[in-house]
Amino acid sequence: MSQELGRPLKRIVRRNAYANRVINHSLKWVNGKPEHNHIDGECVADFSCCVPELFTDSIEKRMDSHKKLLEKLDVTPNAVYSANNDG
């Protein structure tokens, strides 16, 4: 099942290099490595890449923020399913 979901997700993300960078940037932060996105000049959600004291210790809060980002970018399982069944 995860391989089926992964293929269309990669196709959607490849369409937008910015979305790909933002998702990878967010995933690093979720995994405890807050790094500033120098390509697009963007901080992680809690700004801890620039102010380490602000790091959100709760992985649940970081995951919630990441999920909201995916929804904003329309890269969710529902969006992947829709794109995969468009043709």
Protein backbone atom coordinates (compact mmCIF):
# COMPACT_ATOMS: atom_id res chain seq x y z
CA MET A 1 0.00 0.00 0.00
CA SER A 2 2.73 2.50 0.90
CA GLN A 3 4.47 1.96 -2.44
CA GLU A 4 1.21 2.67 -4.26
CA LEU A 5 0.85 5.91 -2.29
CA GLY A 6 4.51 6.87 -2.76
CA ARG A 7 4.53 6.82 -6.55
CA PRO A 8 1.81 9.41 -7.14
CA LEU A 9 3.11 11.53 -4.27
CA LYS A 10 6.54 11.68 -5.92
CA ARG A 11 4.89 12.64 -9.21
CA ILE A 12 2.93 15.46 -7.58
CA VAL A 13 5.92 16.76 -5.64
CA ARG A 14 8.16 16.64 -8.72
CA ARG A 15 5.77 19.06 -10.43
CA ASN A 16 6.72 21.73 -7.94
CA ALA A 17 10.34 22.05 -6.85
CA TYR A 18 9.37 24.63 -4.23
CA ALA A 19 6.88 22.24 -2.61
CA ASN A 20 9.54 19.53 -2.58
CA ARG A 21 12.02 21.81 -0.79
CA VAL A 22 9.41 22.97 1.72
CA ILE A 23 8.31 19.41 2.53
CA ASN A 24 11.89 18.19 3.00
CA HIS A 25 12.69 21.25 5.09
CA SER A 26 9.66 20.58 7.29
CA LEU A 27 10.49 16.89 7.68
CA LYS A 28 13.99 17.73 8.92
CA TRP A 29 12.43 20.01 11.51
CA VAL A 30 9.93 17.33 12.56
CA ASN A 31 12.89 14.99 13.05
CA GLY A 32 14.63 17.48 15.33
CA LYS A 33 16.94 19.22 12.85
CA PRO A 34 15.70 22.77 12.39
CA GLU A 35 17.60 24.26 9.45
CA HIS A 36 16.92 27.56 7.74
CA ASN A 37 15.82 27.23 4.11
CA HIS A 38 18.40 29.50 2.49
CA ILE A 39 17.13 28.87 -1.03
CA ASP A 40 13.72 30.40 -0.32
CA GLY A 41 14.70 32.41 2.77
CA GLU A 42 12.23 30.63 5.03
CA CYS A 43 12.37 29.57 8.67
CA VAL A 44 10.89 26.40 10.09
CA ALA A 45 7.43 26.72 11.68
CA ASP A 46 8.68 27.63 15.16
CA PHE A 47 11.60 29.79 13.91
CA SER A 48 14.04 27.59 15.85
CA CYS A 49 16.46 27.50 12.93
CA CYS A 50 17.27 31.13 13.72
CA VAL A 51 16.38 31.18 17.45
CA PRO A 52 17.20 27.72 18.90
CA GLU A 53 15.50 28.52 22.22
CA LEU A 54 12.14 28.47 20.41
CA PHE A 55 12.42 24.80 19.35
CA THR A 56 9.12 22.96 19.87
CA ASP A 57 10.01 19.92 21.99
CA SER A 58 6.75 18.11 21.29
CA ILE A 59 7.05 15.90 18.23
CA GLU A 60 3.23 15.75 18.16
CA LYS A 61 3.06 19.53 17.71
CA ARG A 62 5.73 19.39 15.02
CA MET A 63 3.83 16.61 13.21
CA ASP A 64 0.57 18.59 13.42
CA SER A 65 2.32 21.58 11.90
CA HIS A 66 3.79 19.40 9.14
CA LYS A 67 0.35 17.93 8.34
CA LYS A 68 -1.09 21.45 8.06
CA LEU A 69 1.72 22.32 5.67
CA LEU A 70 0.89 19.30 3.49
CA GLU A 71 -2.76 20.34 3.45
CA LYS A 72 -1.78 23.89 2.48
CA LEU A 73 0.34 22.54 -0.38
CA ASP A 74 -2.46 20.10 -1.27
CA VAL A 75 -0.09 17.14 -0.95
CA THR A 76 -2.32 14.91 1.16
CA PRO A 77 -3.43 11.30 0.61
CA ASN A 78 -6.74 12.61 -0.80
CA ALA A 79 -4.95 14.93 -3.24
CA VAL A 80 -2.63 12.10 -4.26
CA TYR A 81 -5.60 9.78 -4.85
CA SER A 82 -7.37 12.44 -6.93
CA ALA A 83 -4.28 13.15 -9.04
CA ASN A 84 -3.66 9.44 -9.55
CA ASN A 85 -7.21 8.90 -10.82
CA ASP A 86 -7.36 11.92 -13.13
CA GLY A 87 -6.28 9.97 -16.10
